[in-house]
Amino acid sequence: MMRVTGDRNSQACALATAAYLDSIGHSSPRILMHAGLGGVE
């Protein structure tokens, strides 16, 4: 599971992780969890 906020850094990390998992033949489910930080950001 990967926590994402939806910004460019999270998107880039998610895409790079997916590419890596594809390259090693990972076939289990992949889960992205959105973490809305609201006013803290």
PDB file of N, CA and C in Angstrom:
ATOM      1  N   MET A   1       0.843  -1.162   0.000  1.00  0.00           N
ATOM      2  CA  MET A   1       0.000   0.000   0.000  1.00  0.00           C
ATOM      3  C   MET A   1       0.894   1.233   0.000  1.00  0.00           C
ATOM      4  N   MET A   2       0.490   2.217  -0.767  1.00  0.00           N
ATOM      5  CA  MET A   2       1.237   3.463  -0.855  1.00  0.00           C
ATOM      6  C   MET A   2       0.303   4.622  -0.536  1.00  0.00           C
ATOM      7  N   ARG A   3       0.750   5.522   0.331  1.00  0.00           N
ATOM      8  CA  ARG A   3      -0.044   6.703   0.668  1.00  0.00           C
ATOM      9  C   ARG A   3       0.280   7.807  -0.321  1.00  0.00           C
ATOM     10  N   VAL A   4      -0.755   8.404  -0.906  1.00  0.00           N
ATOM     11  CA  VAL A   4      -0.554   9.473  -1.876  1.00  0.00           C
ATOM     12  C   VAL A   4      -1.405  10.680  -1.514  1.00  0.00           C
ATOM     13  N   THR A   5      -0.944  11.852  -1.922  1.00  0.00           N
ATOM     14  CA  THR A   5      -1.704  13.071  -1.687  1.00  0.00           C
ATOM     15  C   THR A   5      -2.310  13.605  -2.970  1.00  0.00           C
ATOM     16  N   GLY A   6      -1.877  13.108  -4.120  1.00  0.00           N
ATOM     17  CA  GLY A   6      -2.407  13.564  -5.394  1.00  0.00           C
ATOM     18  C   GLY A   6      -1.551  14.626  -6.058  1.00  0.00           C
ATOM     19  N   ASP A   7      -0.482  15.055  -5.416  1.00  0.00           N
ATOM     20  CA  ASP A   7       0.379  16.055  -6.043  1.00  0.00           C
ATOM     21  C   ASP A   7       1.325  15.387  -7.036  1.00  0.00           C
ATOM     22  N   ARG A   8       2.123  16.188  -7.704  1.00  0.00           N
ATOM     23  CA  ARG A   8       3.022  15.657  -8.738  1.00  0.00           C
ATOM     24  C   ARG A   8       4.018  14.642  -8.184  1.00  0.00           C
ATOM     25  N   ASN A   9       4.519  14.881  -6.985  1.00  0.00           N
ATOM     26  CA  ASN A   9       5.498  13.949  -6.403  1.00  0.00           C
ATOM     27  C   ASN A   9       4.865  12.592  -6.145  1.00  0.00           C
ATOM     28  N   SER A  10       3.656  12.583  -5.600  1.00  0.00           N
ATOM     29  CA  SER A  10       2.973  11.313  -5.345  1.00  0.00           C
ATOM     30  C   SER A  10       2.681  10.577  -6.643  1.00  0.00           C
ATOM     31  N   GLN A  11       2.260  11.316  -7.660  1.00  0.00           N
ATOM     32  CA  GLN A  11       1.968  10.692  -8.953  1.00  0.00           C
ATOM     33  C   GLN A  11       3.226  10.083  -9.561  1.00  0.00           C
ATOM     34  N   ALA A  12       4.330  10.818  -9.512  1.00  0.00           N
ATOM     35  CA  ALA A  12       5.592  10.311 -10.059  1.00  0.00           C
ATOM     36  C   ALA A  12       6.051   9.071  -9.307  1.00  0.00           C
ATOM     37  N   CYS A  13       5.926   9.090  -7.993  1.00  0.00           N
ATOM     38  CA  CYS A  13       6.335   7.943  -7.184  1.00  0.00           C
ATOM     39  C   CYS A  13       5.455   6.727  -7.484  1.00  0.00           C
ATOM     40  N   ALA A  14       4.152   6.950  -7.617  1.00  0.00           N
ATOM     41  CA  ALA A  14       3.236   5.844  -7.916  1.00  0.00           C
ATOM     42  C   ALA A  14       3.548   5.233  -9.279  1.00  0.00           C
ATOM     43  N   LEU A  15       3.810   6.066 -10.277  1.00  0.00           N
ATOM     44  CA  LEU A  15       4.137   5.554 -11.608  1.00  0.00           C
ATOM     45  C   LEU A  15       5.463   4.801 -11.611  1.00  0.00           C
ATOM     46  N   ALA A  16       6.455   5.325 -10.910  1.00  0.00           N
ATOM     47  CA  ALA A  16       7.747   4.645 -10.845  1.00  0.00           C
ATOM     48  C   ALA A  16       7.628   3.318 -10.105  1.00  0.00           C
ATOM     49  N   THR A  17       6.845   3.296  -9.039  1.00  0.00           N
ATOM     50  CA  THR A  17       6.648   2.056  -8.289  1.00  0.00           C
ATOM     51  C   THR A  17       5.929   1.021  -9.138  1.00  0.00           C
ATOM     52  N   ALA A  18       4.893   1.451  -9.868  1.00  0.00           N
ATOM     53  CA  ALA A  18       4.160   0.528 -10.743  1.00  0.00           C
ATOM     54  C   ALA A  18       5.077  -0.043 -11.819  1.00  0.00           C
ATOM     55  N   ALA A  19       5.912   0.796 -12.404  1.00  0.00           N
ATOM     56  CA  ALA A  19       6.850   0.324 -13.428  1.00  0.00           C
ATOM     57  C   ALA A  19       7.827  -0.693 -12.844  1.00  0.00           C
ATOM     58  N   TYR A  20       8.319  -0.419 -11.644  1.00  0.00           N
ATOM     59  CA  TYR A  20       9.238  -1.363 -10.997  1.00  0.00           C
ATOM     60  C   TYR A  20       8.538  -2.687 -10.713  1.00  0.00           C
ATOM     61  N   LEU A  21       7.332  -2.620 -10.155  1.00  0.00           N
ATOM     62  CA  LEU A  21       6.604  -3.848  -9.843  1.00  0.00           C
ATOM     63  C   LEU A  21       6.310  -4.647 -11.115  1.00  0.00           C
ATOM     64  N   ASP A  22       5.982  -3.952 -12.217  1.00  0.00           N
ATOM     65  CA  ASP A  22       5.791  -4.640 -13.499  1.00  0.00           C
ATOM     66  C   ASP A  22       7.083  -5.343 -13.924  1.00  0.00           C
ATOM     67  N   SER A  23       8.209  -4.668 -13.738  1.00  0.00           N
ATOM     68  CA  SER A  23       9.481  -5.216 -14.210  1.00  0.00           C
ATOM     69  C   SER A  23       9.911  -6.464 -13.446  1.00  0.00           C
ATOM     70  N   ILE A  24       9.457  -6.621 -12.207  1.00  0.00           N
ATOM     71  CA  ILE A  24       9.833  -7.811 -11.430  1.00  0.00           C
ATOM     72  C   ILE A  24       8.724  -8.864 -11.435  1.00  0.00           C
ATOM     73  N   GLY A  25       7.659  -8.611 -12.205  1.00  0.00           N
ATOM     74  CA  GLY A  25       6.603  -9.606 -12.344  1.00  0.00           C
ATOM     75  C   GLY A  25       5.616  -9.651 -11.190  1.00  0.00           C
ATOM     76  N   HIS A  26       5.518  -8.590 -10.435  1.00  0.00           N
ATOM     77  CA  HIS A  26       4.577  -8.525  -9.306  1.00  0.00           C
ATOM     78  C   HIS A  26       3.153  -8.657  -9.821  1.00  0.00           C
ATOM     79  N   SER A  27       2.377  -9.565  -9.245  1.00  0.00           N
ATOM     80  CA  SER A  27       1.017  -9.781  -9.743  1.00  0.00           C
ATOM     81  C   SER A  27      -0.055  -9.632  -8.667  1.00  0.00           C
ATOM     82  N   SER A  28       0.320  -9.323  -7.456  1.00  0.00           N
ATOM     83  CA  SER A  28      -0.667  -9.114  -6.390  1.00  0.00           C
ATOM     84  C   SER A  28      -1.340  -7.759  -6.559  1.00  0.00           C
ATOM     85  N   PRO A  29      -2.462  -7.541  -5.852  1.00  0.00           N
ATOM     86  CA  PRO A  29      -3.137  -6.242  -5.957  1.00  0.00           C
ATOM     87  C   PRO A  29      -2.233  -5.093  -5.515  1.00  0.00           C
ATOM     88  N   ARG A  30      -2.457  -3.954  -6.122  1.00  0.00           N
ATOM     89  CA  ARG A  30      -1.725  -2.737  -5.778  1.00  0.00           C
ATOM     90  C   ARG A  30      -2.737  -1.720  -5.270  1.00  0.00           C
ATOM     91  N   ILE A  31      -2.448  -1.124  -4.145  1.00  0.00           N
ATOM     92  CA  ILE A  31      -3.403  -0.221  -3.508  1.00  0.00           C
ATOM     93  C   ILE A  31      -2.746   1.133  -3.268  1.00  0.00           C
ATOM     94  N   LEU A  32      -3.408   2.179  -3.715  1.00  0.00           N
ATOM     95  CA  LEU A  32      -2.998   3.544  -3.398  1.00  0.00           C
ATOM     96  C   LEU A  32      -4.031   4.114  -2.436  1.00  0.00           C
ATOM     97  N   MET A  33      -3.571   4.666  -1.353  1.00  0.00           N
ATOM     98  CA  MET A  33      -4.482   5.243  -0.358  1.00  0.00           C
ATOM     99  C   MET A  33      -4.296   6.757  -0.379  1.00  0.00           C
ATOM    100  N   HIS A  34      -5.383   7.469  -0.671  1.00  0.00           N
ATOM    101  CA  HIS A  34      -5.310   8.936  -0.703  1.00  0.00           C
ATOM    102  C   HIS A  34      -5.333   9.469   0.728  1.00  0.00           C
ATOM    103  N   ALA A  35      -4.436  10.381   1.003  1.00  0.00           N
ATOM    104  CA  ALA A  35      -4.359  10.988   2.334  1.00  0.00           C
ATOM    105  C   ALA A  35      -4.599  12.486   2.192  1.00  0.00           C
ATOM    106  N   GLY A  36      -5.831  12.895   2.380  1.00  0.00           N
ATOM    107  CA  GLY A  36      -6.147  14.310   2.331  1.00  0.00           C
ATOM    108  C   GLY A  36      -5.764  14.950   3.654  1.00  0.00           C
ATOM    109  N   LEU A  37      -4.864  15.899   3.610  1.00  0.00           N
ATOM    110  CA  LEU A  37      -4.363  16.503   4.830  1.00  0.00           C
ATOM    111  C   LEU A  37      -5.108  17.786   5.215  1.00  0.00           C
ATOM    112  N   GLY A  38      -6.029  18.198   4.365  1.00  0.00           N
ATOM    113  CA  GLY A  38      -6.870  19.346   4.691  1.00  0.00           C
ATOM    114  C   GLY A  38      -6.072  20.602   4.999  1.00  0.00           C
ATOM    115  N   GLY A  39      -6.400  21.255   6.097  1.00  0.00           N
ATOM    116  CA  GLY A  39      -5.776  22.512   6.477  1.00  0.00           C
ATOM    117  C   GLY A  39      -4.345  22.398   6.951  1.00  0.00           C
ATOM    118  N   VAL A  40      -3.874  21.184   7.185  1.00  0.00           N
ATOM    119  CA  VAL A  40      -2.501  20.987   7.650  1.00  0.00           C
ATOM    120  C   VAL A  40      -1.503  21.377   6.570  1.00  0.00           C
ATOM    121  N   GLU A  41      -1.898  21.176   5.303  1.00  0.00           N
ATOM    122  CA  GLU A  41      -0.988  21.476   4.202  1.00  0.00           C
ATOM    123  C   GLU A  41      -0.790  22.935   4.124  1.00  0.00           C
TER     124      GLU A  41
END
